[in-house]
C-alpha atoms as a PDB file:
ATOM      1  CA  MET A   1     -44.136  -6.971 -42.740  1.00  0.00           C
ATOM      2  CA  SER A   2     -45.813  -4.132 -40.836  1.00  0.00           C
ATOM      3  CA  ASP A   3     -47.584  -6.693 -38.625  1.00  0.00           C
ATOM      4  CA  ILE A   4     -44.298  -7.910 -37.103  1.00  0.00           C
ATOM      5  CA  ASN A   5     -44.213  -7.455 -33.337  1.00  0.00           C
ATOM      6  CA  ILE A   6     -40.594  -6.528 -32.696  1.00  0.00           C
ATOM      7  CA  LEU A   7     -40.939  -6.533 -28.918  1.00  0.00           C
ATOM      8  CA  GLU A   8     -42.440 -10.005 -28.962  1.00  0.00           C
ATOM      9  CA  ILE A   9     -39.538 -11.242 -31.072  1.00  0.00           C
ATOM     10  CA  ALA A  10     -37.067  -9.761 -28.606  1.00  0.00           C
ATOM     11  CA  ARG A  11     -38.885 -11.369 -25.663  1.00  0.00           C
ATOM     12  CA  LYS A  12     -38.758 -14.735 -27.386  1.00  0.00           C
ATOM     13  CA  VAL A  13     -35.036 -14.421 -28.121  1.00  0.00           C
ATOM     14  CA  LEU A  14     -34.252 -13.491 -24.527  1.00  0.00           C
ATOM     15  CA  LYS A  15     -36.431 -16.313 -23.209  1.00  0.00           C
ATOM     16  CA  ILE A  16     -34.682 -18.887 -25.402  1.00  0.00           C
ATOM     17  CA  GLU A  17     -31.239 -17.667 -24.377  1.00  0.00           C
ATOM     18  CA  ALA A  18     -32.208 -17.527 -20.693  1.00  0.00           C
ATOM     19  CA  ASN A  19     -33.469 -21.117 -20.931  1.00  0.00           C
ATOM     20  CA  ALA A  20     -30.192 -22.116 -22.591  1.00  0.00           C
ATOM     21  CA  VAL A  21     -28.183 -20.768 -19.665  1.00  0.00           C
ATOM     22  CA  GLU A  22     -30.565 -22.212 -17.095  1.00  0.00           C
ATOM     23  CA  GLY A  23     -30.264 -25.616 -18.776  1.00  0.00           C
ATOM     24  CA  LEU A  24     -26.525 -25.633 -18.026  1.00  0.00           C
ATOM     25  CA  ILE A  25     -27.239 -25.771 -14.307  1.00  0.00           C
ATOM     26  CA  GLU A  26     -28.938 -29.154 -14.557  1.00  0.00           C
ATOM     27  CA  ARG A  27     -26.021 -30.635 -16.499  1.00  0.00           C
ATOM     28  CA  LEU A  28     -23.223 -29.424 -14.237  1.00  0.00           C
ATOM     29  CA  ASN A  29     -21.376 -32.414 -12.821  1.00  0.00           C
ATOM     30  CA  GLY A  30     -17.977 -33.558 -11.667  1.00  0.00           C
ATOM     31  CA  GLY A  31     -16.566 -32.645 -15.062  1.00  0.00           C
ATOM     32  CA  PHE A  32     -16.856 -28.968 -14.245  1.00  0.00           C
ATOM     33  CA  GLN A  33     -15.009 -29.523 -10.965  1.00  0.00           C
ATOM     34  CA  ASP A  34     -12.325 -31.444 -12.860  1.00  0.00           C
ATOM     35  CA  ALA A  35     -11.954 -28.609 -15.388  1.00  0.00           C
ATOM     36  CA  VAL A  36     -11.478 -26.036 -12.635  1.00  0.00           C
ATOM     37  CA  ASP A  37      -9.009 -28.281 -10.811  1.00  0.00           C
ATOM     38  CA  ILE A  38      -6.969 -28.828 -13.992  1.00  0.00           C
ATOM     39  CA  ILE A  39      -6.664 -25.097 -14.610  1.00  0.00           C
ATOM     40  CA  TYR A  40      -5.962 -24.329 -10.957  1.00  0.00           C
ATOM     41  CA  ALA A  41      -3.181 -26.920 -10.794  1.00  0.00           C
ATOM     42  CA  SER A  42      -1.621 -25.834 -14.072  1.00  0.00           C
ATOM     43  CA  LYS A  43       1.730 -24.043 -13.936  1.00  0.00           C
ATOM     44  CA  GLY A  44       1.209 -22.646 -17.404  1.00  0.00           C
ATOM     45  CA  LYS A  45      -1.379 -20.563 -19.206  1.00  0.00           C
ATOM     46  CA  VAL A  46      -4.919 -21.139 -20.347  1.00  0.00           C
ATOM     47  CA  ILE A  47      -5.173 -20.983 -24.130  1.00  0.00           C
ATOM     48  CA  VAL A  48      -8.697 -20.547 -25.463  1.00  0.00           C
ATOM     49  CA  THR A  49      -9.461 -21.430 -29.078  1.00  0.00           C
ATOM     50  CA  GLY A  50     -12.493 -21.501 -31.332  1.00  0.00           C
ATOM     51  CA  MET A  51     -13.572 -20.642 -34.884  1.00  0.00           C
ATOM     52  CA  GLY A  52     -16.070 -18.037 -35.999  1.00  0.00           C
ATOM     53  CA  LYS A  53     -18.607 -16.976 -33.378  1.00  0.00           C
ATOM     54  CA  SER A  54     -17.146 -19.521 -30.945  1.00  0.00           C
ATOM     55  CA  GLY A  55     -13.815 -17.785 -31.390  1.00  0.00           C
ATOM     56  CA  LEU A  56     -15.320 -14.435 -30.469  1.00  0.00           C
ATOM     57  CA  ILE A  57     -16.760 -16.004 -27.327  1.00  0.00           C
ATOM     58  CA  GLY A  58     -13.355 -17.543 -26.662  1.00  0.00           C
ATOM     59  CA  LYS A  59     -11.694 -14.140 -26.791  1.00  0.00           C
ATOM     60  CA  LYS A  60     -14.041 -12.849 -24.131  1.00  0.00           C
ATOM     61  CA  ILE A  61     -13.500 -15.909 -21.924  1.00  0.00           C
ATOM     62  CA  ALA A  62      -9.723 -15.520 -22.218  1.00  0.00           C
ATOM     63  CA  ALA A  63      -9.991 -11.835 -21.316  1.00  0.00           C
ATOM     64  CA  THR A  64     -12.153 -12.598 -18.281  1.00  0.00           C
ATOM     65  CA  LEU A  65      -9.754 -15.279 -17.060  1.00  0.00           C
ATOM     66  CA  ALA A  66      -6.738 -12.997 -17.517  1.00  0.00           C
ATOM     67  CA  SER A  67      -8.366 -10.139 -15.594  1.00  0.00           C
ATOM     68  CA  THR A  68      -9.273 -12.366 -12.665  1.00  0.00           C
ATOM     69  CA  GLY A  69      -5.929 -13.968 -11.905  1.00  0.00           C
ATOM     70  CA  THR A  70      -5.667 -16.793 -14.447  1.00  0.00           C
ATOM     71  CA  PRO A  71      -3.067 -16.072 -17.180  1.00  0.00           C
ATOM     72  CA  ALA A  72      -4.871 -16.672 -20.471  1.00  0.00           C
ATOM     73  CA  PHE A  73      -4.948 -15.667 -24.116  1.00  0.00           C
ATOM     74  CA  PHE A  74      -6.852 -16.529 -27.286  1.00  0.00           C
ATOM     75  CA  MET A  75      -5.272 -18.550 -30.086  1.00  0.00           C
ATOM     76  CA  HIS A  76      -6.920 -18.627 -33.510  1.00  0.00           C
ATOM     77  CA  PRO A  77      -7.067 -22.310 -34.533  1.00  0.00           C
ATOM     78  CA  ALA A  78      -6.419 -21.584 -38.223  1.00  0.00           C
ATOM     79  CA  GLU A  79      -3.320 -19.558 -37.387  1.00  0.00           C
ATOM     80  CA  ALA A  80      -2.143 -22.132 -34.840  1.00  0.00           C
ATOM     81  CA  SER A  81      -1.060 -24.643 -37.482  1.00  0.00           C
ATOM     82  CA  HIS A  82       0.957 -21.915 -39.212  1.00  0.00           C
ATOM     83  CA  GLY A  83       3.282 -21.163 -36.339  1.00  0.00           C
ATOM     84  CA  ASP A  84       1.152 -19.993 -33.426  1.00  0.00           C
ATOM     85  CA  LEU A  85       1.385 -23.438 -31.807  1.00  0.00           C
ATOM     86  CA  GLY A  86       4.802 -22.266 -30.708  1.00  0.00           C
ATOM     87  CA  MET A  87       2.973 -20.361 -27.971  1.00  0.00           C
ATOM     88  CA  VAL A  88       1.746 -23.604 -26.412  1.00  0.00           C
ATOM     89  CA  SER A  89       3.772 -25.501 -23.803  1.00  0.00           C
ATOM     90  CA  SER A  90       3.193 -28.818 -22.063  1.00  0.00           C
ATOM     91  CA  GLU A  91       2.219 -27.028 -18.864  1.00  0.00           C
ATOM     92  CA  ASP A  92      -0.629 -25.122 -20.536  1.00  0.00           C
ATOM     93  CA  VAL A  93      -4.333 -25.930 -20.641  1.00  0.00           C
ATOM     94  CA  VAL A  94      -6.393 -25.521 -23.803  1.00  0.00           C
ATOM     95  CA  ILE A  95     -10.083 -24.662 -23.723  1.00  0.00           C
ATOM     96  CA  ALA A  96     -11.484 -25.573 -27.146  1.00  0.00           C
ATOM     97  CA  ILE A  97     -14.952 -24.304 -28.066  1.00  0.00           C
ATOM     98  CA  SER A  98     -16.983 -25.903 -30.869  1.00  0.00           C
ATOM     99  CA  ASN A  99     -20.740 -26.365 -30.830  1.00  0.00           C
ATOM    100  CA  SER A 100     -20.562 -29.281 -33.241  1.00  0.00           C
ATOM    101  CA  GLY A 101     -17.338 -30.668 -31.820  1.00  0.00           C
ATOM    102  CA  GLU A 102     -16.237 -31.336 -35.392  1.00  0.00           C
ATOM    103  CA  THR A 103     -14.601 -28.055 -36.380  1.00  0.00           C
ATOM    104  CA  ASP A 104     -11.765 -29.041 -38.721  1.00  0.00           C
ATOM    105  CA  GLU A 105      -9.350 -26.315 -37.621  1.00  0.00           C
ATOM    106  CA  ILE A 106      -9.664 -27.365 -33.973  1.00  0.00           C
ATOM    107  CA  LEU A 107      -9.505 -31.090 -34.652  1.00  0.00           C
ATOM    108  CA  GLY A 108      -6.288 -30.439 -36.543  1.00  0.00           C
ATOM    109  CA  LEU A 109      -4.679 -29.237 -33.318  1.00  0.00           C
ATOM    110  CA  ILE A 110      -5.435 -32.370 -31.308  1.00  0.00           C
ATOM    111  CA  PRO A 111      -2.449 -34.496 -32.486  1.00  0.00           C
ATOM    112  CA  PHE A 112      -0.024 -31.743 -31.491  1.00  0.00           C
ATOM    113  CA  LEU A 113      -1.710 -31.159 -28.114  1.00  0.00           C
ATOM    114  CA  LYS A 114      -1.725 -34.889 -27.376  1.00  0.00           C
ATOM    115  CA  ARG A 115       1.901 -35.248 -28.402  1.00  0.00           C
ATOM    116  CA  PHE A 116       2.974 -32.635 -25.871  1.00  0.00           C
ATOM    117  CA  ASN A 117       0.536 -33.853 -23.226  1.00  0.00           C
ATOM    118  CA  VAL A 118      -1.387 -30.572 -23.117  1.00  0.00           C
ATOM    119  CA  SER A 119      -4.608 -30.819 -21.103  1.00  0.00           C
ATOM    120  CA  ILE A 120      -7.712 -30.176 -23.203  1.00  0.00           C
ATOM    121  CA  ILE A 121     -11.037 -28.905 -21.883  1.00  0.00           C
ATOM    122  CA  SER A 122     -13.707 -28.869 -24.553  1.00  0.00           C
ATOM    123  CA  MET A 123     -17.004 -27.007 -24.669  1.00  0.00           C
ATOM    124  CA  THR A 124     -19.332 -28.647 -27.150  1.00  0.00           C
ATOM    125  CA  GLY A 125     -22.991 -29.132 -27.889  1.00  0.00           C
ATOM    126  CA  GLU A 126     -22.348 -32.749 -28.918  1.00  0.00           C
ATOM    127  CA  ALA A 127     -21.198 -35.094 -26.158  1.00  0.00           C
ATOM    128  CA  ASN A 128     -20.228 -37.810 -28.672  1.00  0.00           C
ATOM    129  CA  SER A 129     -18.263 -35.580 -31.018  1.00  0.00           C
ATOM    130  CA  THR A 130     -14.624 -36.099 -31.947  1.00  0.00           C
ATOM    131  CA  LEU A 131     -13.514 -33.099 -29.896  1.00  0.00           C
ATOM    132  CA  SER A 132     -15.492 -34.192 -26.833  1.00  0.00           C
ATOM    133  CA  LYS A 133     -13.969 -37.676 -26.913  1.00  0.00           C
ATOM    134  CA  SER A 134     -10.454 -36.288 -27.404  1.00  0.00           C
ATOM    135  CA  ALA A 135     -10.602 -33.890 -24.454  1.00  0.00           C
ATOM    136  CA  ASN A 136      -9.544 -34.609 -20.897  1.00  0.00           C
ATOM    137  CA  VAL A 137     -12.833 -33.025 -19.811  1.00  0.00           C
ATOM    138  CA  ASN A 138     -15.872 -32.067 -21.861  1.00  0.00           C
ATOM    139  CA  LEU A 139     -18.277 -29.396 -20.683  1.00  0.00           C
ATOM    140  CA  ASP A 140     -21.739 -29.897 -22.135  1.00  0.00           C
ATOM    141  CA  VAL A 141     -23.099 -26.600 -23.510  1.00  0.00           C
ATOM    142  CA  THR A 142     -25.920 -28.159 -25.493  1.00  0.00           C
ATOM    143  CA  VAL A 143     -28.959 -25.973 -26.175  1.00  0.00           C
ATOM    144  CA  LYS A 144     -32.453 -27.127 -27.152  1.00  0.00           C
ATOM    145  CA  GLU A 145     -32.757 -24.464 -29.837  1.00  0.00           C
ATOM    146  CA  GLU A 146     -31.085 -21.408 -31.251  1.00  0.00           C
ATOM    147  CA  ALA A 147     -32.862 -18.076 -30.897  1.00  0.00           C
ATOM    148  CA  CYS A 148     -32.595 -17.684 -34.669  1.00  0.00           C
ATOM    149  CA  PRO A 149     -35.866 -18.930 -36.289  1.00  0.00           C
ATOM    150  CA  LEU A 150     -33.786 -20.682 -38.956  1.00  0.00           C
ATOM    151  CA  GLY A 151     -31.966 -22.626 -36.259  1.00  0.00           C
ATOM    152  CA  ILE A 152     -28.590 -22.025 -37.877  1.00  0.00           C
ATOM    153  CA  VAL A 153     -27.261 -18.710 -36.536  1.00  0.00           C
ATOM    154  CA  PRO A 154     -25.204 -19.212 -33.331  1.00  0.00           C
ATOM    155  CA  THR A 155     -27.194 -17.344 -30.687  1.00  0.00           C
ATOM    156  CA  ALA A 156     -28.309 -19.401 -27.700  1.00  0.00           C
ATOM    157  CA  SER A 157     -25.345 -21.750 -28.174  1.00  0.00           C
ATOM    158  CA  THR A 158     -22.786 -18.946 -27.970  1.00  0.00           C
ATOM    159  CA  THR A 159     -24.597 -17.463 -24.970  1.00  0.00           C
ATOM    160  CA  ALA A 160     -24.368 -20.828 -23.209  1.00  0.00           C
ATOM    161  CA  ALA A 161     -20.648 -21.128 -23.965  1.00  0.00           C
ATOM    162  CA  LEU A 162     -20.031 -17.609 -22.695  1.00  0.00           C
ATOM    163  CA  ALA A 163     -21.919 -18.310 -19.464  1.00  0.00           C
ATOM    164  CA  MET A 164     -19.940 -21.516 -18.924  1.00  0.00           C
ATOM    165  CA  GLY A 165     -16.718 -19.577 -19.394  1.00  0.00           C
ATOM    166  CA  ASP A 166     -17.848 -17.045 -16.813  1.00  0.00           C
ATOM    167  CA  ALA A 167     -18.661 -19.880 -14.409  1.00  0.00           C
ATOM    168  CA  ILE A 168     -15.122 -21.232 -14.794  1.00  0.00           C
ATOM    169  CA  ALA A 169     -13.557 -17.797 -14.286  1.00  0.00           C
ATOM    170  CA  VAL A 170     -15.584 -17.025 -11.169  1.00  0.00           C
ATOM    171  CA  ALA A 171     -14.976 -20.477  -9.682  1.00  0.00           C
ATOM    172  CA  LEU A 172     -11.228 -19.980 -10.161  1.00  0.00           C
ATOM    173  CA  LEU A 173     -11.439 -16.442  -8.805  1.00  0.00           C
ATOM    174  CA  ILE A 174     -12.972 -17.687  -5.574  1.00  0.00           C
ATOM    175  CA  LYS A 175     -10.671 -20.705  -5.369  1.00  0.00           C
ATOM    176  CA  ARG A 176      -7.626 -18.428  -5.663  1.00  0.00           C
ATOM    177  CA  GLY A 177      -8.943 -15.996  -3.054  1.00  0.00           C
ATOM    178  CA  PHE A 178      -8.851 -13.211  -5.660  1.00  0.00           C
ATOM    179  CA  LYS A 179      -9.692  -9.849  -4.063  1.00  0.00           C
ATOM    180  CA  GLN A 180     -10.931  -6.468  -5.187  1.00  0.00           C
ATOM    181  CA  GLU A 181      -7.393  -5.121  -4.900  1.00  0.00           C
ATOM    182  CA  ASP A 182      -6.119  -7.867  -7.200  1.00  0.00           C
ATOM    183  CA  PHE A 183      -8.733  -7.005  -9.823  1.00  0.00           C
ATOM    184  CA  ALA A 184      -7.779  -3.343  -9.615  1.00  0.00           C
ATOM    185  CA  CYS A 185      -4.125  -4.284 -10.116  1.00  0.00           C
ATOM    186  CA  PHE A 186      -5.009  -5.649 -13.560  1.00  0.00           C
ATOM    187  CA  HIS A 187      -7.170  -2.578 -14.293  1.00  0.00           C
ATOM    188  CA  PRO A 188      -5.016   0.394 -13.219  1.00  0.00           C
ATOM    189  CA  SER A 189      -6.723   2.710 -15.706  1.00  0.00           C
ATOM    190  CA  GLY A 190     -10.225   1.635 -14.769  1.00  0.00           C
ATOM    191  CA  SER A 191     -12.403   3.385 -12.212  1.00  0.00           C
ATOM    192  CA  LEU A 192     -11.755   0.693  -9.620  1.00  0.00           C
ATOM    193  CA  GLY A 193      -8.006   0.846 -10.187  1.00  0.00           C
ATOM    194  CA  LYS A 194      -8.061   4.591  -9.741  1.00  0.00           C
ATOM    195  CA  ARG A 195     -10.057   4.326  -6.541  1.00  0.00           C
ATOM    196  CA  LEU A 196      -7.741   1.716  -5.068  1.00  0.00           C
ATOM    197  CA  PHE A 197      -4.331   2.900  -6.214  1.00  0.00           C
ATOM    198  CA  ILE A 198      -4.248   6.680  -6.575  1.00  0.00           C
ATOM    199  CA  LYS A 199      -3.211   8.252  -3.302  1.00  0.00           C
ATOM    200  CA  VAL A 200      -3.458  11.774  -1.947  1.00  0.00           C
ATOM    201  CA  ARG A 201       0.299  12.172  -2.474  1.00  0.00           C
ATOM    202  CA  ASP A 202      -0.198  11.566  -6.204  1.00  0.00           C
ATOM    203  CA  LEU A 203      -2.626  14.480  -6.597  1.00  0.00           C
ATOM    204  CA  MET A 204      -1.725  17.011  -3.910  1.00  0.00           C
ATOM    205  CA  HIS A 205      -0.154  20.416  -4.525  1.00  0.00           C
ATOM    206  CA  SER A 206       3.123  20.833  -2.664  1.00  0.00           C
ATOM    207  CA  GLY A 207       6.333  22.843  -2.499  1.00  0.00           C
ATOM    208  CA  ASP A 208       6.104  26.303  -4.047  1.00  0.00           C
ATOM    209  CA  ALA A 209       2.459  25.642  -4.943  1.00  0.00           C
ATOM    210  CA  LEU A 210       1.455  25.711  -1.276  1.00  0.00           C
ATOM    211  CA  PRO A 211      -0.396  28.891  -0.199  1.00  0.00           C
ATOM    212  CA  LEU A 212       1.472  29.600   3.053  1.00  0.00           C
ATOM    213  CA  ILE A 213       1.253  32.688   5.226  1.00  0.00           C
ATOM    214  CA  PRO A 214       2.524  33.465   8.783  1.00  0.00           C
ATOM    215  CA  PRO A 215       0.008  34.077  11.601  1.00  0.00           C
ATOM    216  CA  HIS A 216       0.700  37.847  11.679  1.00  0.00           C
ATOM    217  CA  GLU A 217       0.266  38.309   7.950  1.00  0.00           C
ATOM    218  CA  SER A 218      -2.303  40.984   7.096  1.00  0.00           C
ATOM    219  CA  MET A 219      -5.486  39.905   5.424  1.00  0.00           C
ATOM    220  CA  THR A 220      -4.389  41.881   2.385  1.00  0.00           C
ATOM    221  CA  GLY A 221      -1.419  39.539   2.091  1.00  0.00           C
ATOM    222  CA  ALA A 222      -3.633  36.533   2.780  1.00  0.00           C
ATOM    223  CA  VAL A 223      -6.003  37.464  -0.033  1.00  0.00           C
ATOM    224  CA  MET A 224      -3.088  37.925  -2.409  1.00  0.00           C
ATOM    225  CA  GLU A 225      -1.770  34.448  -1.492  1.00  0.00           C
ATOM    226  CA  ILE A 226      -5.184  32.875  -1.977  1.00  0.00           C
ATOM    227  CA  SER A 227      -5.504  34.578  -5.358  1.00  0.00           C
ATOM    228  CA  SER A 228      -2.007  33.745  -6.604  1.00  0.00           C
ATOM    229  CA  LYS A 229      -2.019  30.046  -5.648  1.00  0.00           C
ATOM    230  CA  ARG A 230      -5.593  29.530  -6.890  1.00  0.00           C
ATOM    231  CA  LEU A 231      -6.558  26.826  -4.422  1.00  0.00           C
ATOM    232  CA  GLY A 232      -9.176  28.827  -2.594  1.00  0.00           C
ATOM    233  CA  ILE A 233      -7.267  28.805   0.713  1.00  0.00           C
ATOM    234  CA  ALA A 234      -4.274  30.135   2.585  1.00  0.00           C
ATOM    235  CA  ILE A 235      -2.564  27.914   5.154  1.00  0.00           C
ATOM    236  CA  VAL A 236      -1.584  29.775   8.312  1.00  0.00           C
ATOM    237  CA  ALA A 237       1.682  28.229   9.536  1.00  0.00           C
ATOM    238  CA  ASP A 238       4.552  29.124  11.867  1.00  0.00           C
ATOM    239  CA  LYS A 239       8.225  29.415  10.927  1.00  0.00           C
ATOM    240  CA  GLU A 240       8.557  25.647  10.916  1.00  0.00           C
ATOM    241  CA  ASN A 241       5.525  25.323   8.650  1.00  0.00           C
ATOM    242  CA  LYS A 242       3.427  23.760  11.429  1.00  0.00           C
ATOM    243  CA  ILE A 243      -0.237  24.262  10.608  1.00  0.00           C
ATOM    244  CA  ALA A 244      -2.041  26.738  12.866  1.00  0.00           C
ATOM    245  CA  GLY A 245      -5.178  27.200  10.810  1.00  0.00           C
ATOM    246  CA  VAL A 246      -6.638  27.942   7.417  1.00  0.00           C
ATOM    247  CA  ILE A 247      -8.322  30.874   5.715  1.00  0.00           C
ATOM    248  CA  THR A 248     -10.694  30.107   2.854  1.00  0.00           C
ATOM    249  CA  ASP A 249     -12.121  32.370   0.189  1.00  0.00           C
ATOM    250  CA  GLY A 250     -15.414  31.919   2.017  1.00  0.00           C
ATOM    251  CA  ASP A 251     -13.831  33.337   5.160  1.00  0.00           C
ATOM    252  CA  VAL A 252     -12.713  36.332   3.119  1.00  0.00           C
ATOM    253  CA  ARG A 253     -16.202  37.009   1.760  1.00  0.00           C
ATOM    254  CA  ARG A 254     -17.801  36.691   5.172  1.00  0.00           C
ATOM    255  CA  GLY A 255     -15.098  38.901   6.737  1.00  0.00           C
ATOM    256  CA  ILE A 256     -15.659  41.684   4.226  1.00  0.00           C
ATOM    257  CA  GLU A 257     -19.412  41.527   4.842  1.00  0.00           C
ATOM    258  CA  LYS A 258     -18.842  41.776   8.603  1.00  0.00           C
ATOM    259  CA  TRP A 259     -15.910  44.204   8.875  1.00  0.00           C
ATOM    260  CA  GLY A 260     -15.890  46.125   5.624  1.00  0.00           C
ATOM    261  CA  LYS A 261     -12.578  47.686   4.587  1.00  0.00           C
ATOM    262  CA  ASP A 262     -11.201  47.260   8.144  1.00  0.00           C
ATOM    263  CA  PHE A 263     -11.076  43.535   7.420  1.00  0.00           C
ATOM    264  CA  PHE A 264      -7.923  43.942   5.328  1.00  0.00           C
ATOM    265  CA  ASP A 265      -6.034  45.376   8.305  1.00  0.00           C
ATOM    266  CA  MET A 266      -6.759  42.337  10.456  1.00  0.00           C
ATOM    267  CA  LYS A 267      -4.167  39.599  10.991  1.00  0.00           C
ATOM    268  CA  ALA A 268      -4.393  36.072   9.667  1.00  0.00           C
ATOM    269  CA  TYR A 269      -4.536  34.503  13.147  1.00  0.00           C
ATOM    270  CA  GLU A 270      -7.614  36.647  13.942  1.00  0.00           C
ATOM    271  CA  VAL A 271      -9.557  35.302  10.968  1.00  0.00           C
ATOM    272  CA  MET A 272      -8.279  31.762  10.485  1.00  0.00           C
ATOM    273  CA  SER A 273     -10.272  28.654  11.297  1.00  0.00           C
ATOM    274  CA  LYS A 274      -8.410  26.439  13.716  1.00  0.00           C
ATOM    275  CA  ASN A 275      -8.310  22.650  13.395  1.00  0.00           C
ATOM    276  CA  PRO A 276      -8.842  22.489   9.616  1.00  0.00           C
ATOM    277  CA  LYS A 277      -9.763  19.177   8.000  1.00  0.00           C
ATOM    278  CA  THR A 278      -6.677  17.162   7.057  1.00  0.00           C
ATOM    279  CA  ILE A 279      -5.784  13.856   5.475  1.00  0.00           C
ATOM    280  CA  PRO A 280      -2.505  11.845   5.355  1.00  0.00           C
ATOM    281  CA  ALA A 281      -0.523  11.831   2.125  1.00  0.00           C
ATOM    282  CA  GLU A 282      -0.620   8.019   1.962  1.00  0.00           C
ATOM    283  CA  GLU A 283      -4.409   7.864   2.218  1.00  0.00           C
ATOM    284  CA  LEU A 284      -6.376   6.976  -0.922  1.00  0.00           C
ATOM    285  CA  ALA A 285      -7.646   9.874  -3.004  1.00  0.00           C
ATOM    286  CA  ALA A 286     -11.069   8.197  -2.896  1.00  0.00           C
ATOM    287  CA  LYS A 287     -11.019   8.598   0.885  1.00  0.00           C
ATOM    288  CA  ALA A 288     -10.209  12.297   0.484  1.00  0.00           C
ATOM    289  CA  LEU A 289     -13.235  12.636  -1.772  1.00  0.00           C
ATOM    290  CA  ALA A 290     -15.432  10.951   0.825  1.00  0.00           C
ATOM    291  CA  VAL A 291     -14.231  13.366   3.524  1.00  0.00           C
ATOM    292  CA  MET A 292     -14.874  16.353   1.270  1.00  0.00           C
ATOM    293  CA  GLU A 293     -18.392  15.139   0.557  1.00  0.00           C
ATOM    294  CA  GLN A 294     -19.034  14.516   4.252  1.00  0.00           C
ATOM    295  CA  TYR A 295     -18.095  18.075   5.253  1.00  0.00           C
ATOM    296  CA  SER A 296     -19.156  19.833   2.027  1.00  0.00           C
ATOM    297  CA  ILE A 297     -15.678  21.229   1.389  1.00  0.00           C
ATOM    298  CA  THR A 298     -13.407  21.257  -1.643  1.00  0.00           C
ATOM    299  CA  VAL A 299      -9.922  21.278  -0.084  1.00  0.00           C
ATOM    300  CA  LEU A 300      -8.055  19.181   2.484  1.00  0.00           C
ATOM    301  CA  LEU A 301      -4.693  19.994   4.047  1.00  0.00           C
ATOM    302  CA  VAL A 302      -2.028  17.305   4.032  1.00  0.00           C
ATOM    303  CA  PRO A 303       0.257  17.474   7.099  1.00  0.00           C
ATOM    304  CA  ASP A 304       3.371  15.407   7.694  1.00  0.00           C
ATOM    305  CA  GLU A 305       3.893  13.414  10.895  1.00  0.00           C
ATOM    306  CA  ALA A 306       5.120  16.528  12.721  1.00  0.00           C
ATOM    307  CA  GLY A 307       2.061  18.560  11.736  1.00  0.00           C
ATOM    308  CA  ARG A 308       3.897  20.602   9.125  1.00  0.00           C
ATOM    309  CA  ALA A 309       2.113  21.582   5.910  1.00  0.00           C
ATOM    310  CA  GLU A 310       3.148  19.063   3.261  1.00  0.00           C
ATOM    311  CA  GLY A 311       0.447  19.511   0.663  1.00  0.00           C
ATOM    312  CA  VAL A 312      -3.083  20.448  -0.327  1.00  0.00           C
ATOM    313  CA  ILE A 313      -5.498  18.265  -2.262  1.00  0.00           C
ATOM    314  CA  HIS A 314      -8.349  19.890  -4.162  1.00  0.00           C
ATOM    315  CA  LEU A 315     -11.625  18.341  -5.256  1.00  0.00           C
ATOM    316  CA  HIS A 316     -10.950  19.291  -8.865  1.00  0.00           C
ATOM    317  CA  GLU A 317      -7.783  17.179  -9.033  1.00  0.00           C
ATOM    318  CA  ILE A 318      -9.673  14.127  -7.772  1.00  0.00           C
ATOM    319  CA  LEU A 319     -12.515  14.531 -10.254  1.00  0.00           C
ATOM    320  CA  LYS A 320     -10.089  15.075 -13.147  1.00  0.00           C
ATOM    321  CA  LYS A 321      -8.716  11.601 -12.471  1.00  0.00           C
ATOM    322  CA  GLY A 322     -12.175  10.105 -12.799  1.00  0.00           C
ATOM    323  CA  ILE A 323     -12.427   9.146  -9.134  1.00  0.00           C
ATOM    324  CA  ALA A 324     -16.029   9.366  -8.035  1.00  0.00           C
END
């Protein structure tokens, strides 16, 4: 057993499975177009079913369809005949996966599906099987060999079925004009959803949390405001809260180095940086991050339409949300 070349085995498995997927390309025909058209025209859901390993592949296909704009779910064929068929309506489309095309649990569903005129798309490795002949459209996912040396463990065949399911999902995605924003809508907790839906307004500090000081405030008062609000800045604003400038903790350090103790007697307007970097409240938080990275800063002011201080967004709040 010590002479076994594990890497060579892995290369062989990957080669067999790659060939299985590549072989699908040659067999694509009008049936695939028909399958996509049937699903696209359907007013119902796509119900994917399969037993064993085919069922696991079916779950992934259903999940991919659902996340790309095609309502879909997986139905276990053994459970279907014990009540789950109640989930199926005449407007639905069933994708049935069976390498042999003779899986008893799936064949048992055919009379019901035919009775209610449910469209059936089969994926089989046997074009002349019972399931293939019963379907409205059969997609040929035949493979020359399994990657398993015994030829019995579903490996290349399940890979081929999975790839065919992806091809259907992507074809429908493009046909529907599905966009990045649509994908994010179905993944609000994912990184893409966060980047496309979380706005500056959702993360900014506002109200009493704003570090505001008047232009004639002493630098002693400014430092106290910076320290108490813990955002690393003090916003210099007039009586109407219109932004005049900003003082950062970096400005404080540099001021002390330059002026010594006299620095604390200076006024805020003498130290502040005019024209601080700002961003609208309705802008995406991802955009705020990009601006911060561009200017190597950690804070952006958020003014309202009149130029009044409305909020402050800090780099830490963006990173805590997983936006990167």
